[in-house]
Amino acid sequence: MNITLPLSPETTAEIERRAAAAGTDLTSFILDAVQERLQERNGSAGDAPPYEQWSKDFRGWIASHASRNPDFDDGRDSIYD
């Protein structure tokens, strides 16, 4: 299938520059970029939806930080004595 895209001269020049820097032809470079974008949209990072991956990463970040006061009770019951 052929697709025609209306690109500005600046965008065309940037794509050509990046393709040359990657050592590939223009068509392959564009196809790779489209495939990467489709994989991002499909949540291919471990087959988890983007929110779930973010949540997993965030919880890992939280767990990597030690509590400064492990005896502090911030539970709801302690607030309403």
N, C-alpha and C. Protein backbone atom coordinates (compact mmCIF):
# COMPACT_ATOMS: atom_id res chain seq x y z
N MET A 1 0.84 -1.16 0.00
CA MET A 1 0.00 0.00 0.00
C MET A 1 0.89 1.24 0.00
N ASN A 2 0.50 2.23 -0.73
CA ASN A 2 1.21 3.50 -0.76
C ASN A 2 0.37 4.56 -0.05
N ILE A 3 1.03 5.37 0.73
CA ILE A 3 0.37 6.46 1.45
C ILE A 3 1.13 7.74 1.14
N THR A 4 0.40 8.79 0.84
CA THR A 4 1.02 10.08 0.58
C THR A 4 0.80 10.97 1.79
N LEU A 5 1.89 11.54 2.30
CA LEU A 5 1.81 12.40 3.47
C LEU A 5 2.25 13.81 3.10
N PRO A 6 1.45 14.81 3.43
CA PRO A 6 1.87 16.19 3.18
C PRO A 6 2.80 16.65 4.30
N LEU A 7 4.09 16.70 4.03
CA LEU A 7 5.09 17.10 5.02
C LEU A 7 5.71 18.44 4.64
N SER A 8 6.00 19.23 5.64
CA SER A 8 6.67 20.49 5.38
C SER A 8 8.11 20.21 4.96
N PRO A 9 8.75 21.13 4.27
CA PRO A 9 10.15 20.94 3.89
C PRO A 9 11.06 20.73 5.10
N GLU A 10 10.74 21.40 6.21
CA GLU A 10 11.55 21.23 7.42
C GLU A 10 11.42 19.82 7.98
N THR A 11 10.20 19.29 8.01
CA THR A 11 9.97 17.94 8.50
C THR A 11 10.65 16.92 7.61
N THR A 12 10.54 17.12 6.30
CA THR A 12 11.19 16.21 5.35
C THR A 12 12.69 16.21 5.56
N ALA A 13 13.27 17.39 5.72
CA ALA A 13 14.72 17.49 5.92
C ALA A 13 15.14 16.81 7.22
N GLU A 14 14.34 16.97 8.27
CA GLU A 14 14.66 16.33 9.55
C GLU A 14 14.59 14.82 9.45
N ILE A 15 13.58 14.30 8.78
CA ILE A 15 13.46 12.85 8.60
C ILE A 15 14.63 12.33 7.78
N GLU A 16 14.98 13.03 6.72
CA GLU A 16 16.12 12.61 5.90
C GLU A 16 17.41 12.63 6.71
N ARG A 17 17.59 13.66 7.55
CA ARG A 17 18.80 13.76 8.37
C ARG A 17 18.88 12.60 9.36
N ARG A 18 17.77 12.31 10.01
CA ARG A 18 17.77 11.22 11.00
C ARG A 18 17.95 9.85 10.35
N ALA A 19 17.36 9.66 9.18
CA ALA A 19 17.54 8.39 8.46
C ALA A 19 19.00 8.21 8.08
N ALA A 20 19.63 9.28 7.60
CA ALA A 20 21.05 9.20 7.23
C ALA A 20 21.91 8.91 8.46
N ALA A 21 21.59 9.56 9.58
CA ALA A 21 22.35 9.33 10.81
C ALA A 21 22.19 7.89 11.30
N ALA A 22 21.03 7.31 11.05
CA ALA A 22 20.77 5.92 11.46
C ALA A 22 21.34 4.93 10.45
N GLY A 23 21.80 5.44 9.32
CA GLY A 23 22.38 4.56 8.30
C GLY A 23 21.34 3.73 7.57
N THR A 24 20.16 4.27 7.39
CA THR A 24 19.09 3.53 6.72
C THR A 24 18.43 4.41 5.67
N ASP A 25 17.67 3.78 4.81
CA ASP A 25 16.98 4.56 3.79
C ASP A 25 15.71 5.17 4.38
N LEU A 26 15.18 6.14 3.69
CA LEU A 26 14.04 6.92 4.17
C LEU A 26 12.81 6.04 4.45
N THR A 27 12.51 5.14 3.54
CA THR A 27 11.33 4.28 3.69
C THR A 27 11.45 3.40 4.93
N SER A 28 12.59 2.77 5.12
CA SER A 28 12.79 1.91 6.29
C SER A 28 12.71 2.71 7.58
N PHE A 29 13.30 3.91 7.58
CA PHE A 29 13.28 4.75 8.76
C PHE A 29 11.84 5.10 9.15
N ILE A 30 11.04 5.50 8.17
CA ILE A 30 9.64 5.87 8.44
C ILE A 30 8.84 4.66 8.90
N LEU A 31 9.04 3.51 8.26
CA LEU A 31 8.32 2.30 8.68
C LEU A 31 8.68 1.92 10.11
N ASP A 32 9.95 2.01 10.46
CA ASP A 32 10.37 1.70 11.83
C ASP A 32 9.73 2.65 12.83
N ALA A 33 9.68 3.94 12.49
CA ALA A 33 9.07 4.93 13.38
C ALA A 33 7.59 4.65 13.59
N VAL A 34 6.89 4.29 12.53
CA VAL A 34 5.46 3.99 12.63
C VAL A 34 5.26 2.74 13.48
N GLN A 35 6.07 1.71 13.27
CA GLN A 35 5.94 0.48 14.05
C GLN A 35 6.22 0.73 15.53
N GLU A 36 7.23 1.54 15.84
CA GLU A 36 7.51 1.88 17.24
C GLU A 36 6.32 2.58 17.88
N ARG A 37 5.74 3.51 17.15
CA ARG A 37 4.59 4.26 17.68
C ARG A 37 3.40 3.33 17.92
N LEU A 38 3.16 2.40 17.02
CA LEU A 38 2.06 1.45 17.19
C LEU A 38 2.30 0.56 18.41
N GLN A 39 3.53 0.15 18.62
CA GLN A 39 3.84 -0.68 19.79
C GLN A 39 3.64 0.11 21.07
N GLU A 40 4.01 1.40 21.08
CA GLU A 40 3.78 2.24 22.26
C GLU A 40 2.29 2.34 22.57
N ARG A 41 1.51 2.52 21.54
CA ARG A 41 0.06 2.67 21.73
C ARG A 41 -0.58 1.37 22.20
N ASN A 42 0.01 0.24 21.84
CA ASN A 42 -0.56 -1.05 22.24
C ASN A 42 -0.06 -1.49 23.60
N GLY A 43 0.75 -0.68 24.26
CA GLY A 43 1.25 -1.04 25.59
C GLY A 43 2.18 -2.21 25.55
N SER A 44 3.11 -2.23 24.60
CA SER A 44 3.99 -3.39 24.46
C SER A 44 5.07 -3.45 25.53
N ALA A 45 5.14 -2.48 26.43
CA ALA A 45 6.12 -2.52 27.52
C ALA A 45 5.68 -3.57 28.52
N GLY A 46 6.05 -4.82 28.29
CA GLY A 46 5.66 -5.91 29.17
C GLY A 46 4.20 -6.28 29.02
N ASP A 47 3.58 -5.93 27.91
CA ASP A 47 2.19 -6.22 27.62
C ASP A 47 1.23 -5.66 28.67
N ALA A 48 1.66 -4.65 29.42
CA ALA A 48 0.78 -4.02 30.39
C ALA A 48 0.29 -2.70 29.81
N PRO A 49 -0.95 -2.34 30.08
CA PRO A 49 -1.42 -1.02 29.64
C PRO A 49 -0.53 0.06 30.24
N PRO A 50 -0.43 1.21 29.61
CA PRO A 50 0.48 2.24 30.08
C PRO A 50 0.29 2.62 31.55
N TYR A 51 -0.96 2.72 32.03
CA TYR A 51 -1.18 3.07 33.43
C TYR A 51 -0.62 1.99 34.36
N GLU A 52 -0.86 0.74 34.02
CA GLU A 52 -0.38 -0.34 34.87
C GLU A 52 1.14 -0.36 34.93
N GLN A 53 1.80 -0.10 33.80
CA GLN A 53 3.26 -0.05 33.79
C GLN A 53 3.75 1.12 34.63
N TRP A 54 3.11 2.29 34.48
CA TRP A 54 3.48 3.44 35.28
C TRP A 54 3.29 3.15 36.76
N SER A 55 2.15 2.55 37.11
CA SER A 55 1.86 2.23 38.50
C SER A 55 2.90 1.27 39.07
N LYS A 56 3.28 0.28 38.31
CA LYS A 56 4.28 -0.69 38.75
C LYS A 56 5.62 0.02 38.98
N ASP A 57 6.01 0.86 38.05
CA ASP A 57 7.27 1.60 38.19
C ASP A 57 7.22 2.54 39.40
N PHE A 58 6.09 3.22 39.60
CA PHE A 58 5.96 4.15 40.70
C PHE A 58 6.03 3.43 42.04
N ARG A 59 5.34 2.30 42.16
CA ARG A 59 5.38 1.54 43.41
C ARG A 59 6.78 1.01 43.70
N GLY A 60 7.51 0.64 42.64
CA GLY A 60 8.90 0.23 42.81
C GLY A 60 9.77 1.36 43.31
N TRP A 61 9.51 2.57 42.80
CA TRP A 61 10.26 3.75 43.23
C TRP A 61 9.98 4.04 44.70
N ILE A 62 8.69 3.94 45.08
CA ILE A 62 8.32 4.18 46.48
C ILE A 62 9.01 3.17 47.38
N ALA A 63 8.99 1.90 46.99
CA ALA A 63 9.59 0.85 47.81
C ALA A 63 11.10 1.03 47.96
N SER A 64 11.73 1.75 47.03
CA SER A 64 13.18 1.94 47.10
C SER A 64 13.58 3.01 48.10
N HIS A 65 12.60 3.70 48.70
CA HIS A 65 12.88 4.74 49.69
C HIS A 65 12.44 4.26 51.06
N ALA A 66 13.37 4.28 52.00
CA ALA A 66 13.06 3.83 53.35
C ALA A 66 12.24 4.89 54.09
N SER A 67 11.38 4.44 54.99
CA SER A 67 10.59 5.35 55.82
C SER A 67 11.50 6.03 56.83
N ARG A 68 11.29 7.32 57.03
CA ARG A 68 12.10 8.04 58.01
C ARG A 68 11.60 7.82 59.44
N ASN A 69 10.34 7.47 59.58
CA ASN A 69 9.77 7.22 60.90
C ASN A 69 8.79 6.06 60.80
N PRO A 70 9.28 4.84 60.90
CA PRO A 70 8.40 3.68 60.73
C PRO A 70 7.36 3.53 61.84
N ASP A 71 7.53 4.24 62.99
CA ASP A 71 6.58 4.13 64.09
C ASP A 71 5.43 5.13 63.97
N PHE A 72 5.47 6.01 63.00
CA PHE A 72 4.43 7.02 62.81
C PHE A 72 3.15 6.36 62.32
N ASP A 73 2.05 6.62 63.00
CA ASP A 73 0.75 6.04 62.64
C ASP A 73 -0.06 7.09 61.91
N ASP A 74 -0.22 6.93 60.62
CA ASP A 74 -1.01 7.89 59.84
C ASP A 74 -2.35 7.29 59.43
N GLY A 75 -2.78 6.28 60.14
CA GLY A 75 -4.06 5.66 59.84
C GLY A 75 -5.24 6.54 60.23
N ARG A 76 -6.36 6.31 59.63
CA ARG A 76 -7.57 7.09 59.88
C ARG A 76 -8.00 7.05 61.34
N ASP A 77 -7.89 5.88 61.97
CA ASP A 77 -8.32 5.73 63.36
C ASP A 77 -7.50 6.61 64.30
N SER A 78 -6.24 6.81 64.02
CA SER A 78 -5.40 7.61 64.91
C SER A 78 -5.71 9.10 64.79
N ILE A 79 -6.31 9.50 63.70
CA ILE A 79 -6.64 10.91 63.50
C ILE A 79 -7.88 11.29 64.31
N TYR A 80 -8.86 10.40 64.42
CA TYR A 80 -10.14 10.69 65.07
C TYR A 80 -10.26 10.03 66.43
N ASP A 81 -9.34 10.32 67.35
CA ASP A 81 -9.42 9.76 68.70
C ASP A 81 -10.50 10.43 69.51
